[in-house]
Amino acid sequence: MTQRALLLPAALALLLIGYALGRLVPAAPTPNPSPKGGGENSAPFLRREGGGGVLSAPPQGYGLAAGFDAAGAVPADLDRFGPLWYYDYRFRSSDDAPGHQRLLLIEARSAVSAGEIAALARTRPGHWWILGNEPNDPNQDNLAAPEYARWFVRTAAVIRAADPSAGILSAGIADADRIPAQAFIAATIAWSGASPDLDGWNIHNYLLDGPDPYDSARFQARILAFHDWMVGAGQAGKPLLLGEWGVLYGRGCCSRPLDPASRGLAYMDRTADWLESSGLVTAWAWFTLRSGDRQFNGDLLQPATPALSAFGDRYRVRAAAYAARPRR
């Protein structure tokens, strides 16, 4: 029997004790002076090889980023696009929308207890989880790599214990930036002694830091660089999800008015064509279904109505055509 196999029962016991004491809380913890020793911040690290369930299929193709506005993920709104996968920014939202694969998102900055996470995991067996939202963005989770690594390890352990068949994705990494991804791996190994226990990677790709937010060549180059990093980092073969893409400029961002829809639609077509043909990205979701008062460019639904916008109609047509296409 290997040393890892001998350690698994002990790790599981520590996890259960943590539940009982109410100490395993998936909030960004304080730095651990002795990461590999004992103490309150030691990591209960459970590996899939130790008897985990069968992993369900990851999302494929077109999806929807829902729940950013006050309406949340309304099933009737999702149905307008066909049976697409989706995720909801509201962790405590209602039941899964029938006919749609749902990913479960937990933002690291949210006050969600380990008990709530475990309860949801037990009632959603086989779901895929997104752990965090842009830890490398000061306007989102805003966590340094060691902080995010500790939160990720503890939260993943809660989910694994409640549902061994769950799929776990990284946080959506802003700018598809491989540098914080590598820092996350290094910090996780330094604290837990093992690589992150994840089944796939999640990135966001906006071009807000350059002169042209519609530069599809730069959009592609970022994803290509991240994919190449995955190969070099021993992460090849894992799904790569593009959890957010689009053009954020509008009332909600950067003090800039809404652009003409024609520019955004052309950008959607160019980038989606590449996503469909490149084979590098498993699934992708345009941001967003509806942004409410912020009015970002590219909302898929019209403001305050259930009707599709020009972006939504284009996205629906593209998703249906992609779904009907034969796969190799």
C-alpha atoms as a PDB file:
ATOM      1  CA  MET A   1       0.000   0.000   0.000  1.00  0.00           C
ATOM      2  CA  THR A   2       1.378   3.425  -0.935  1.00  0.00           C
ATOM      3  CA  GLN A   3       1.999   6.228   1.528  1.00  0.00           C
ATOM      4  CA  ARG A   4      -0.791   8.240  -0.148  1.00  0.00           C
ATOM      5  CA  ALA A   5      -3.276   5.426   0.347  1.00  0.00           C
ATOM      6  CA  LEU A   6      -2.327   5.234   4.026  1.00  0.00           C
ATOM      7  CA  LEU A   7      -2.874   8.986   4.415  1.00  0.00           C
ATOM      8  CA  LEU A   8      -6.352   9.051   2.822  1.00  0.00           C
ATOM      9  CA  PRO A   9      -8.317   7.687   5.831  1.00  0.00           C
ATOM     10  CA  ALA A  10      -6.549  10.181   8.095  1.00  0.00           C
ATOM     11  CA  ALA A  11      -7.337  13.047   5.741  1.00  0.00           C
ATOM     12  CA  LEU A  12     -10.995  12.037   5.618  1.00  0.00           C
ATOM     13  CA  ALA A  13     -11.106  11.839   9.394  1.00  0.00           C
ATOM     14  CA  LEU A  14      -9.644  15.339   9.674  1.00  0.00           C
ATOM     15  CA  LEU A  15     -12.263  16.612   7.256  1.00  0.00           C
ATOM     16  CA  LEU A  16     -15.120  15.122   9.284  1.00  0.00           C
ATOM     17  CA  ILE A  17     -13.679  16.570  12.482  1.00  0.00           C
ATOM     18  CA  GLY A  18     -13.533  19.935  10.759  1.00  0.00           C
ATOM     19  CA  TYR A  19     -17.251  19.704  10.006  1.00  0.00           C
ATOM     20  CA  ALA A  20     -18.067  18.822  13.595  1.00  0.00           C
ATOM     21  CA  LEU A  21     -16.043  21.694  15.015  1.00  0.00           C
ATOM     22  CA  GLY A  22     -17.281  24.145  12.428  1.00  0.00           C
ATOM     23  CA  ARG A  23     -13.711  25.066  11.594  1.00  0.00           C
ATOM     24  CA  LEU A  24     -13.579  24.127   7.905  1.00  0.00           C
ATOM     25  CA  VAL A  25     -14.985  27.388   6.567  1.00  0.00           C
ATOM     26  CA  PRO A  26     -14.187  28.127   2.915  1.00  0.00           C
ATOM     27  CA  ALA A  27     -13.278  31.763   3.396  1.00  0.00           C
ATOM     28  CA  ALA A  28      -9.848  33.057   2.462  1.00  0.00           C
ATOM     29  CA  PRO A  29      -7.859  31.930   5.530  1.00  0.00           C
ATOM     30  CA  THR A  30      -4.995  33.659   7.295  1.00  0.00           C
ATOM     31  CA  PRO A  31      -1.492  32.579   6.282  1.00  0.00           C
ATOM     32  CA  ASN A  32      -0.440  29.238   7.713  1.00  0.00           C
ATOM     33  CA  PRO A  33       2.991  29.409   9.371  1.00  0.00           C
ATOM     34  CA  SER A  34       3.463  25.659   8.927  1.00  0.00           C
ATOM     35  CA  PRO A  35       1.595  24.634   5.747  1.00  0.00           C
ATOM     36  CA  LYS A  36       2.569  20.978   5.831  1.00  0.00           C
ATOM     37  CA  GLY A  37       2.162  20.508   9.550  1.00  0.00           C
ATOM     38  CA  GLY A  38      -0.903  20.462  11.757  1.00  0.00           C
ATOM     39  CA  GLY A  39      -2.897  23.409  12.987  1.00  0.00           C
ATOM     40  CA  GLU A  40      -6.187  25.002  12.072  1.00  0.00           C
ATOM     41  CA  ASN A  41      -5.169  25.843   8.503  1.00  0.00           C
ATOM     42  CA  SER A  42      -3.756  22.446   7.527  1.00  0.00           C
ATOM     43  CA  ALA A  43      -5.327  21.193   4.300  1.00  0.00           C
ATOM     44  CA  PRO A  44      -7.501  18.052   4.132  1.00  0.00           C
ATOM     45  CA  PHE A  45      -6.485  17.037   0.626  1.00  0.00           C
ATOM     46  CA  LEU A  46      -8.550  14.256  -0.959  1.00  0.00           C
ATOM     47  CA  ARG A  47      -7.433  12.814  -4.296  1.00  0.00           C
ATOM     48  CA  ARG A  48      -9.702  11.388  -6.999  1.00  0.00           C
ATOM     49  CA  GLU A  49      -7.526   8.257  -7.249  1.00  0.00           C
ATOM     50  CA  GLY A  50      -8.516   7.341  -3.728  1.00  0.00           C
ATOM     51  CA  GLY A  51     -11.942   6.061  -4.711  1.00  0.00           C
ATOM     52  CA  GLY A  52     -13.782   9.001  -6.270  1.00  0.00           C
ATOM     53  CA  GLY A  53     -16.927   8.556  -8.331  1.00  0.00           C
ATOM     54  CA  VAL A  54     -17.213   8.595 -12.100  1.00  0.00           C
ATOM     55  CA  LEU A  55     -16.806  12.111 -13.452  1.00  0.00           C
ATOM     56  CA  SER A  56     -19.729  13.380 -15.516  1.00  0.00           C
ATOM     57  CA  ALA A  57     -19.162  14.913 -18.932  1.00  0.00           C
ATOM     58  CA  PRO A  58     -18.019  18.551 -18.890  1.00  0.00           C
ATOM     59  CA  PRO A  59     -20.102  21.206 -20.627  1.00  0.00           C
ATOM     60  CA  GLN A  60     -19.696  21.370 -24.383  1.00  0.00           C
ATOM     61  CA  GLY A  61     -19.994  24.222 -26.861  1.00  0.00           C
ATOM     62  CA  TYR A  62     -22.198  27.246 -26.287  1.00  0.00           C
ATOM     63  CA  GLY A  63     -23.353  28.189 -22.793  1.00  0.00           C
ATOM     64  CA  LEU A  64     -24.922  31.049 -20.866  1.00  0.00           C
ATOM     65  CA  ALA A  65     -23.609  33.242 -18.051  1.00  0.00           C
ATOM     66  CA  ALA A  66     -26.816  34.018 -16.159  1.00  0.00           C
ATOM     67  CA  GLY A  67     -27.862  35.683 -12.934  1.00  0.00           C
ATOM     68  CA  PHE A  68     -25.673  38.777 -13.199  1.00  0.00           C
ATOM     69  CA  ASP A  69     -28.758  40.990 -12.972  1.00  0.00           C
ATOM     70  CA  ALA A  70     -31.497  40.905 -10.347  1.00  0.00           C
ATOM     71  CA  ALA A  71     -33.660  38.489 -12.357  1.00  0.00           C
ATOM     72  CA  GLY A  72     -31.261  35.570 -11.947  1.00  0.00           C
ATOM     73  CA  ALA A  73     -31.335  32.477 -14.119  1.00  0.00           C
ATOM     74  CA  VAL A  74     -34.981  32.330 -15.256  1.00  0.00           C
ATOM     75  CA  PRO A  75     -35.667  28.959 -16.936  1.00  0.00           C
ATOM     76  CA  ALA A  76     -37.884  30.533 -19.604  1.00  0.00           C
ATOM     77  CA  ASP A  77     -35.056  32.894 -20.554  1.00  0.00           C
ATOM     78  CA  LEU A  78     -32.594  30.020 -20.860  1.00  0.00           C
ATOM     79  CA  ASP A  79     -35.064  28.017 -22.945  1.00  0.00           C
ATOM     80  CA  ARG A  80     -35.047  30.706 -25.636  1.00  0.00           C
ATOM     81  CA  PHE A  81     -31.555  29.570 -26.589  1.00  0.00           C
ATOM     82  CA  GLY A  82     -32.190  25.840 -26.678  1.00  0.00           C
ATOM     83  CA  PRO A  83     -30.694  23.246 -24.301  1.00  0.00           C
ATOM     84  CA  LEU A  84     -27.484  25.141 -23.522  1.00  0.00           C
ATOM     85  CA  TRP A  85     -25.426  24.694 -20.373  1.00  0.00           C
ATOM     86  CA  TYR A  86     -25.303  27.620 -17.966  1.00  0.00           C
ATOM     87  CA  TYR A  87     -24.016  28.906 -14.675  1.00  0.00           C
ATOM     88  CA  ASP A  88     -25.543  31.350 -12.236  1.00  0.00           C
ATOM     89  CA  TYR A  89     -23.663  34.007 -10.248  1.00  0.00           C
ATOM     90  CA  ARG A  90     -26.103  33.476  -7.385  1.00  0.00           C
ATOM     91  CA  PHE A  91     -24.972  30.519  -5.298  1.00  0.00           C
ATOM     92  CA  ARG A  92     -28.187  30.375  -3.281  1.00  0.00           C
ATOM     93  CA  SER A  93     -30.444  30.589  -6.306  1.00  0.00           C
ATOM     94  CA  SER A  94     -33.346  28.275  -7.103  1.00  0.00           C
ATOM     95  CA  ASP A  95     -33.301  24.739  -8.453  1.00  0.00           C
ATOM     96  CA  ASP A  96     -31.524  23.803 -11.664  1.00  0.00           C
ATOM     97  CA  ALA A  97     -33.331  24.832 -14.835  1.00  0.00           C
ATOM     98  CA  PRO A  98     -34.825  21.706 -16.476  1.00  0.00           C
ATOM     99  CA  GLY A  99     -33.195  20.751 -19.753  1.00  0.00           C
ATOM    100  CA  HIS A 100     -29.956  22.648 -19.072  1.00  0.00           C
ATOM    101  CA  GLN A 101     -26.678  21.442 -17.602  1.00  0.00           C
ATOM    102  CA  ARG A 102     -25.857  23.763 -14.728  1.00  0.00           C
ATOM    103  CA  LEU A 103     -22.404  24.574 -13.384  1.00  0.00           C
ATOM    104  CA  LEU A 104     -22.257  25.703  -9.763  1.00  0.00           C
ATOM    105  CA  LEU A 105     -20.216  28.840  -9.076  1.00  0.00           C
ATOM    106  CA  ILE A 106     -18.886  29.883  -5.669  1.00  0.00           C
ATOM    107  CA  GLU A 107     -17.159  33.237  -5.456  1.00  0.00           C
ATOM    108  CA  ALA A 108     -14.307  33.180  -2.957  1.00  0.00           C
ATOM    109  CA  ARG A 109     -15.415  36.498  -1.503  1.00  0.00           C
ATOM    110  CA  SER A 110     -18.930  35.223  -0.768  1.00  0.00           C
ATOM    111  CA  ALA A 111     -19.928  34.281   2.776  1.00  0.00           C
ATOM    112  CA  VAL A 112     -20.913  30.687   2.016  1.00  0.00           C
ATOM    113  CA  SER A 113     -20.338  28.130   4.760  1.00  0.00           C
ATOM    114  CA  ALA A 114     -18.868  24.665   4.367  1.00  0.00           C
ATOM    115  CA  GLY A 115     -22.203  23.241   5.466  1.00  0.00           C
ATOM    116  CA  GLU A 116     -24.069  25.053   2.692  1.00  0.00           C
ATOM    117  CA  ILE A 117     -21.574  23.878   0.098  1.00  0.00           C
ATOM    118  CA  ALA A 118     -21.710  20.264   1.297  1.00  0.00           C
ATOM    119  CA  ALA A 119     -25.520  20.285   1.356  1.00  0.00           C
ATOM    120  CA  LEU A 120     -25.707  21.580  -2.212  1.00  0.00           C
ATOM    121  CA  ALA A 121     -23.089  19.077  -3.406  1.00  0.00           C
ATOM    122  CA  ARG A 122     -25.060  16.176  -1.905  1.00  0.00           C
ATOM    123  CA  THR A 123     -28.240  17.274  -3.691  1.00  0.00           C
ATOM    124  CA  ARG A 124     -26.459  17.967  -7.019  1.00  0.00           C
ATOM    125  CA  PRO A 125     -24.410  14.820  -7.645  1.00  0.00           C
ATOM    126  CA  GLY A 126     -22.210  14.888 -10.727  1.00  0.00           C
ATOM    127  CA  HIS A 127     -22.338  18.659 -11.185  1.00  0.00           C
ATOM    128  CA  TRP A 128     -19.318  20.656 -12.271  1.00  0.00           C
ATOM    129  CA  TRP A 129     -18.208  23.453  -9.937  1.00  0.00           C
ATOM    130  CA  ILE A 130     -16.391  26.724 -10.628  1.00  0.00           C
ATOM    131  CA  LEU A 131     -14.337  27.608  -7.553  1.00  0.00           C
ATOM    132  CA  GLY A 132     -13.881  31.352  -7.513  1.00  0.00           C
ATOM    133  CA  ASN A 133     -14.320  34.293  -9.865  1.00  0.00           C
ATOM    134  CA  GLU A 134     -11.268  36.163 -11.139  1.00  0.00           C
ATOM    135  CA  PRO A 135      -8.951  35.995  -8.112  1.00  0.00           C
ATOM    136  CA  ASN A 136      -6.433  38.009 -10.149  1.00  0.00           C
ATOM    137  CA  ASP A 137      -8.819  40.945 -10.615  1.00  0.00           C
ATOM    138  CA  PRO A 138      -8.939  43.600  -7.840  1.00  0.00           C
ATOM    139  CA  ASN A 139     -12.611  44.222  -8.653  1.00  0.00           C
ATOM    140  CA  GLN A 140     -13.617  40.575  -8.203  1.00  0.00           C
ATOM    141  CA  ASP A 141     -12.304  37.922  -5.755  1.00  0.00           C
ATOM    142  CA  ASN A 142      -8.960  39.757  -5.532  1.00  0.00           C
ATOM    143  CA  LEU A 143      -6.840  37.083  -3.816  1.00  0.00           C
ATOM    144  CA  ALA A 144      -3.115  36.534  -3.979  1.00  0.00           C
ATOM    145  CA  ALA A 145      -2.098  33.072  -5.154  1.00  0.00           C
ATOM    146  CA  PRO A 146      -1.425  31.670  -1.623  1.00  0.00           C
ATOM    147  CA  GLU A 147      -4.798  32.916  -0.360  1.00  0.00           C
ATOM    148  CA  TYR A 148      -6.690  31.520  -3.335  1.00  0.00           C
ATOM    149  CA  ALA A 149      -4.813  28.212  -3.125  1.00  0.00           C
ATOM    150  CA  ARG A 150      -5.793  27.675   0.521  1.00  0.00           C
ATOM    151  CA  TRP A 151      -9.432  28.584  -0.171  1.00  0.00           C
ATOM    152  CA  PHE A 152      -9.511  26.320  -3.232  1.00  0.00           C
ATOM    153  CA  VAL A 153      -8.021  23.289  -1.455  1.00  0.00           C
ATOM    154  CA  ARG A 154     -10.380  23.540   1.500  1.00  0.00           C
ATOM    155  CA  THR A 155     -13.463  24.147  -0.655  1.00  0.00           C
ATOM    156  CA  ALA A 156     -12.610  21.361  -3.100  1.00  0.00           C
ATOM    157  CA  ALA A 157     -12.211  18.974  -0.147  1.00  0.00           C
ATOM    158  CA  VAL A 158     -15.704  19.847   1.095  1.00  0.00           C
ATOM    159  CA  ILE A 159     -17.194  19.168  -2.332  1.00  0.00           C
ATOM    160  CA  ARG A 160     -15.247  15.932  -2.868  1.00  0.00           C
ATOM    161  CA  ALA A 161     -16.343  14.572   0.511  1.00  0.00           C
ATOM    162  CA  ALA A 162     -19.996  15.321  -0.227  1.00  0.00           C
ATOM    163  CA  ASP A 163     -19.922  14.220  -3.880  1.00  0.00           C
ATOM    164  CA  PRO A 164     -16.941  12.235  -5.185  1.00  0.00           C
ATOM    165  CA  SER A 165     -18.403  12.429  -8.709  1.00  0.00           C
ATOM    166  CA  ALA A 166     -18.260  16.250  -8.851  1.00  0.00           C
ATOM    167  CA  GLY A 167     -16.171  17.981 -11.494  1.00  0.00           C
ATOM    168  CA  ILE A 168     -14.064  20.889 -10.256  1.00  0.00           C
ATOM    169  CA  LEU A 169     -12.840  23.823 -12.340  1.00  0.00           C
ATOM    170  CA  SER A 170     -10.509  26.622 -11.399  1.00  0.00           C
ATOM    171  CA  ALA A 171     -11.814  30.123 -10.928  1.00  0.00           C
ATOM    172  CA  GLY A 172     -12.315  32.073 -14.102  1.00  0.00           C
ATOM    173  CA  ILE A 173      -8.833  33.544 -14.528  1.00  0.00           C
ATOM    174  CA  ALA A 174      -9.052  37.106 -15.821  1.00  0.00           C
ATOM    175  CA  ASP A 175      -7.327  37.910 -19.124  1.00  0.00           C
ATOM    176  CA  ALA A 176      -6.650  34.202 -19.720  1.00  0.00           C
ATOM    177  CA  ASP A 177      -3.421  34.922 -17.846  1.00  0.00           C
ATOM    178  CA  ARG A 178      -1.148  31.918 -17.398  1.00  0.00           C
ATOM    179  CA  ILE A 179       1.076  33.679 -14.827  1.00  0.00           C
ATOM    180  CA  PRO A 180      -1.478  33.589 -11.960  1.00  0.00           C
ATOM    181  CA  ALA A 181      -2.435  30.059 -13.050  1.00  0.00           C
ATOM    182  CA  GLN A 182       1.148  28.909 -12.561  1.00  0.00           C
ATOM    183  CA  ALA A 183       1.381  30.820  -9.283  1.00  0.00           C
ATOM    184  CA  PHE A 184      -1.784  29.054  -8.088  1.00  0.00           C
ATOM    185  CA  ILE A 185      -0.267  25.642  -8.802  1.00  0.00           C
ATOM    186  CA  ALA A 186       2.973  26.554  -7.036  1.00  0.00           C
ATOM    187  CA  ALA A 187       1.139  27.964  -4.011  1.00  0.00           C
ATOM    188  CA  THR A 188      -1.089  24.897  -3.755  1.00  0.00           C
ATOM    189  CA  ILE A 189       1.914  22.552  -3.809  1.00  0.00           C
ATOM    190  CA  ALA A 190       3.719  24.694  -1.234  1.00  0.00           C
ATOM    191  CA  TRP A 191       0.771  24.612   1.167  1.00  0.00           C
ATOM    192  CA  SER A 192      -0.801  21.189   0.629  1.00  0.00           C
ATOM    193  CA  GLY A 193       2.068  19.152  -0.765  1.00  0.00           C
ATOM    194  CA  ALA A 194       0.218  18.260  -3.971  1.00  0.00           C
ATOM    195  CA  SER A 195      -1.018  19.870  -7.174  1.00  0.00           C
ATOM    196  CA  PRO A 196      -4.539  21.357  -7.235  1.00  0.00           C
ATOM    197  CA  ASP A 197      -7.256  18.713  -7.234  1.00  0.00           C
ATOM    198  CA  LEU A 198      -9.074  20.059 -10.269  1.00  0.00           C
ATOM    199  CA  ASP A 199     -10.574  18.497 -13.378  1.00  0.00           C
ATOM    200  CA  GLY A 200     -10.352  21.455 -15.736  1.00  0.00           C
ATOM    201  CA  TRP A 201      -9.405  25.102 -16.172  1.00  0.00           C
ATOM    202  CA  ASN A 202     -11.619  28.159 -16.554  1.00  0.00           C
ATOM    203  CA  ILE A 203     -10.561  31.454 -18.125  1.00  0.00           C
ATOM    204  CA  HIS A 204     -12.139  34.813 -18.978  1.00  0.00           C
ATOM    205  CA  ASN A 205     -10.977  36.751 -22.015  1.00  0.00           C
ATOM    206  CA  TYR A 206     -11.770  40.447 -22.447  1.00  0.00           C
ATOM    207  CA  LEU A 207      -9.485  42.933 -24.185  1.00  0.00           C
ATOM    208  CA  LEU A 208      -9.983  45.915 -21.901  1.00  0.00           C
ATOM    209  CA  ASP A 209      -6.270  46.600 -21.402  1.00  0.00           C
ATOM    210  CA  GLY A 210      -5.490  47.367 -25.038  1.00  0.00           C
ATOM    211  CA  PRO A 211      -6.464  49.842 -27.742  1.00  0.00           C
ATOM    212  CA  ASP A 212      -8.998  47.584 -29.489  1.00  0.00           C
ATOM    213  CA  PRO A 213     -11.541  45.506 -27.528  1.00  0.00           C
ATOM    214  CA  TYR A 214     -12.558  43.865 -30.822  1.00  0.00           C
ATOM    215  CA  ASP A 215      -9.096  42.513 -31.690  1.00  0.00           C
ATOM    216  CA  SER A 216      -9.921  38.880 -32.473  1.00  0.00           C
ATOM    217  CA  ALA A 217      -6.273  38.036 -33.236  1.00  0.00           C
ATOM    218  CA  ARG A 218      -5.267  39.060 -29.719  1.00  0.00           C
ATOM    219  CA  PHE A 219      -8.241  37.134 -28.330  1.00  0.00           C
ATOM    220  CA  GLN A 220      -6.947  34.001 -30.054  1.00  0.00           C
ATOM    221  CA  ALA A 221      -3.332  34.585 -29.040  1.00  0.00           C
ATOM    222  CA  ARG A 222      -4.234  34.687 -25.354  1.00  0.00           C
ATOM    223  CA  ILE A 223      -6.073  31.373 -25.498  1.00  0.00           C
ATOM    224  CA  LEU A 224      -3.299  29.770 -27.536  1.00  0.00           C
ATOM    225  CA  ALA A 225      -0.756  30.901 -24.941  1.00  0.00           C
ATOM    226  CA  PHE A 226      -2.861  29.507 -22.093  1.00  0.00           C
ATOM    227  CA  HIS A 227      -3.288  26.210 -23.908  1.00  0.00           C
ATOM    228  CA  ASP A 228       0.461  25.979 -24.493  1.00  0.00           C
ATOM    229  CA  TRP A 229       1.019  26.691 -20.810  1.00  0.00           C
ATOM    230  CA  MET A 230      -1.355  23.834 -19.892  1.00  0.00           C
ATOM    231  CA  VAL A 231       0.721  21.453 -22.016  1.00  0.00           C
ATOM    232  CA  GLY A 232       3.967  22.558 -20.401  1.00  0.00           C
ATOM    233  CA  ALA A 233       2.503  22.503 -16.882  1.00  0.00           C
ATOM    234  CA  GLY A 234       1.283  18.919 -17.111  1.00  0.00           C
ATOM    235  CA  GLN A 235      -2.362  19.986 -17.476  1.00  0.00           C
ATOM    236  CA  ALA A 236      -2.866  18.815 -21.066  1.00  0.00           C
ATOM    237  CA  GLY A 237      -5.978  16.759 -21.662  1.00  0.00           C
ATOM    238  CA  LYS A 238      -8.081  18.616 -19.102  1.00  0.00           C
ATOM    239  CA  PRO A 239     -11.086  20.601 -20.361  1.00  0.00           C
ATOM    240  CA  LEU A 240     -10.566  24.322 -20.923  1.00  0.00           C
ATOM    241  CA  LEU A 241     -13.674  26.430 -20.341  1.00  0.00           C
ATOM    242  CA  LEU A 242     -14.056  30.017 -21.534  1.00  0.00           C
ATOM    243  CA  GLY A 243     -16.437  31.143 -18.811  1.00  0.00           C
ATOM    244  CA  GLU A 244     -16.750  34.749 -20.007  1.00  0.00           C
ATOM    245  CA  TRP A 245     -16.021  36.543 -23.260  1.00  0.00           C
ATOM    246  CA  GLY A 246     -17.473  39.533 -25.020  1.00  0.00           C
ATOM    247  CA  VAL A 247     -17.024  43.322 -24.964  1.00  0.00           C
ATOM    248  CA  LEU A 248     -17.740  44.934 -21.613  1.00  0.00           C
ATOM    249  CA  TYR A 249     -17.616  48.581 -22.657  1.00  0.00           C
ATOM    250  CA  GLY A 250     -20.900  50.339 -21.977  1.00  0.00           C
ATOM    251  CA  ARG A 251     -22.518  52.005 -19.003  1.00  0.00           C
ATOM    252  CA  GLY A 252     -21.191  49.206 -16.774  1.00  0.00           C
ATOM    253  CA  CYS A 253     -17.540  49.675 -17.619  1.00  0.00           C
ATOM    254  CA  CYS A 254     -14.868  52.211 -18.279  1.00  0.00           C
ATOM    255  CA  SER A 255     -17.038  55.350 -18.599  1.00  0.00           C
ATOM    256  CA  ARG A 256     -17.712  54.622 -22.228  1.00  0.00           C
ATOM    257  CA  PRO A 257     -21.113  54.597 -23.956  1.00  0.00           C
ATOM    258  CA  LEU A 258     -22.535  51.567 -25.695  1.00  0.00           C
ATOM    259  CA  ASP A 259     -20.960  50.772 -29.040  1.00  0.00           C
ATOM    260  CA  PRO A 260     -23.010  50.104 -32.184  1.00  0.00           C
ATOM    261  CA  ALA A 261     -24.254  46.529 -32.097  1.00  0.00           C
ATOM    262  CA  SER A 262     -22.764  45.832 -35.520  1.00  0.00           C
ATOM    263  CA  ARG A 263     -19.209  45.900 -34.125  1.00  0.00           C
ATOM    264  CA  GLY A 264     -20.038  43.496 -31.321  1.00  0.00           C
ATOM    265  CA  LEU A 265     -21.908  41.113 -33.599  1.00  0.00           C
ATOM    266  CA  ALA A 266     -18.993  40.960 -36.026  1.00  0.00           C
ATOM    267  CA  TYR A 267     -16.644  40.288 -33.097  1.00  0.00           C
ATOM    268  CA  MET A 268     -18.928  37.547 -31.779  1.00  0.00           C
ATOM    269  CA  ASP A 269     -18.910  35.875 -35.199  1.00  0.00           C
ATOM    270  CA  ARG A 270     -15.135  36.045 -35.637  1.00  0.00           C
ATOM    271  CA  THR A 271     -14.293  34.750 -32.183  1.00  0.00           C
ATOM    272  CA  ALA A 272     -17.035  32.106 -32.123  1.00  0.00           C
ATOM    273  CA  ASP A 273     -15.940  30.807 -35.520  1.00  0.00           C
ATOM    274  CA  TRP A 274     -12.458  30.346 -34.111  1.00  0.00           C
ATOM    275  CA  LEU A 275     -13.694  28.725 -30.883  1.00  0.00           C
ATOM    276  CA  GLU A 276     -15.741  26.231 -32.888  1.00  0.00           C
ATOM    277  CA  SER A 277     -12.861  25.287 -35.181  1.00  0.00           C
ATOM    278  CA  SER A 278      -9.743  25.503 -33.007  1.00  0.00           C
ATOM    279  CA  GLY A 279     -10.469  22.488 -30.811  1.00  0.00           C
ATOM    280  CA  LEU A 280      -8.664  24.170 -27.896  1.00  0.00           C
ATOM    281  CA  VAL A 281     -11.691  25.209 -25.832  1.00  0.00           C
ATOM    282  CA  THR A 282     -14.279  22.711 -24.635  1.00  0.00           C
ATOM    283  CA  ALA A 283     -17.091  25.161 -23.881  1.00  0.00           C
ATOM    284  CA  TRP A 284     -17.667  28.915 -23.991  1.00  0.00           C
ATOM    285  CA  ALA A 285     -20.173  31.439 -22.648  1.00  0.00           C
ATOM    286  CA  TRP A 286     -20.752  34.970 -23.937  1.00  0.00           C
ATOM    287  CA  PHE A 287     -21.167  37.569 -21.184  1.00  0.00           C
ATOM    288  CA  THR A 288     -23.905  38.123 -20.345  1.00  0.00           C
ATOM    289  CA  LEU A 289     -27.518  37.044 -20.526  1.00  0.00           C
ATOM    290  CA  ARG A 290     -28.663  40.421 -19.177  1.00  0.00           C
ATOM    291  CA  SER A 291     -26.683  43.044 -17.263  1.00  0.00           C
ATOM    292  CA  GLY A 292     -29.577  45.089 -15.877  1.00  0.00           C
ATOM    293  CA  ASP A 293     -28.865  48.750 -15.205  1.00  0.00           C
ATOM    294  CA  ARG A 294     -25.190  48.355 -16.099  1.00  0.00           C
ATOM    295  CA  GLN A 295     -26.023  47.795 -19.775  1.00  0.00           C
ATOM    296  CA  PHE A 296     -22.825  46.169 -20.950  1.00  0.00           C
ATOM    297  CA  ASN A 297     -22.344  45.752 -24.661  1.00  0.00           C
ATOM    298  CA  GLY A 298     -23.663  42.464 -25.955  1.00  0.00           C
ATOM    299  CA  ASP A 299     -26.537  41.550 -23.605  1.00  0.00           C
ATOM    300  CA  LEU A 300     -28.322  38.535 -25.058  1.00  0.00           C
ATOM    301  CA  LEU A 301     -31.733  39.691 -23.802  1.00  0.00           C
ATOM    302  CA  GLN A 302     -33.291  43.106 -24.246  1.00  0.00           C
ATOM    303  CA  PRO A 303     -33.496  45.321 -21.127  1.00  0.00           C
ATOM    304  CA  ALA A 304     -36.530  44.638 -18.916  1.00  0.00           C
ATOM    305  CA  THR A 305     -38.106  42.257 -21.443  1.00  0.00           C
ATOM    306  CA  PRO A 306     -37.786  38.540 -22.173  1.00  0.00           C
ATOM    307  CA  ALA A 307     -37.154  39.204 -25.875  1.00  0.00           C
ATOM    308  CA  LEU A 308     -33.847  38.338 -27.501  1.00  0.00           C
ATOM    309  CA  SER A 309     -31.560  41.197 -28.457  1.00  0.00           C
ATOM    310  CA  ALA A 310     -29.692  41.213 -31.758  1.00  0.00           C
ATOM    311  CA  PHE A 311     -26.829  39.528 -29.881  1.00  0.00           C
ATOM    312  CA  GLY A 312     -29.167  36.944 -28.405  1.00  0.00           C
ATOM    313  CA  ASP A 313     -30.703  36.071 -31.734  1.00  0.00           C
ATOM    314  CA  ARG A 314     -27.268  35.659 -33.329  1.00  0.00           C
ATOM    315  CA  TYR A 315     -26.069  33.554 -30.397  1.00  0.00           C
ATOM    316  CA  ARG A 316     -29.160  31.331 -30.518  1.00  0.00           C
ATOM    317  CA  VAL A 317     -28.704  30.670 -34.242  1.00  0.00           C
ATOM    318  CA  ARG A 318     -25.020  29.917 -33.844  1.00  0.00           C
ATOM    319  CA  ALA A 319     -25.602  27.575 -30.896  1.00  0.00           C
ATOM    320  CA  ALA A 320     -28.283  25.625 -32.752  1.00  0.00           C
ATOM    321  CA  ALA A 321     -26.109  25.246 -35.845  1.00  0.00           C
ATOM    322  CA  TYR A 322     -23.153  24.100 -33.777  1.00  0.00           C
ATOM    323  CA  ALA A 323     -25.238  21.565 -31.862  1.00  0.00           C
ATOM    324  CA  ALA A 324     -26.557  20.089 -35.134  1.00  0.00           C
ATOM    325  CA  ARG A 325     -23.104  19.724 -36.632  1.00  0.00           C
ATOM    326  CA  PRO A 326     -21.675  16.161 -36.721  1.00  0.00           C
ATOM    327  CA  ARG A 327     -18.760  15.611 -34.336  1.00  0.00           C
ATOM    328  CA  ARG A 328     -15.612  13.728 -35.206  1.00  0.00           C
END
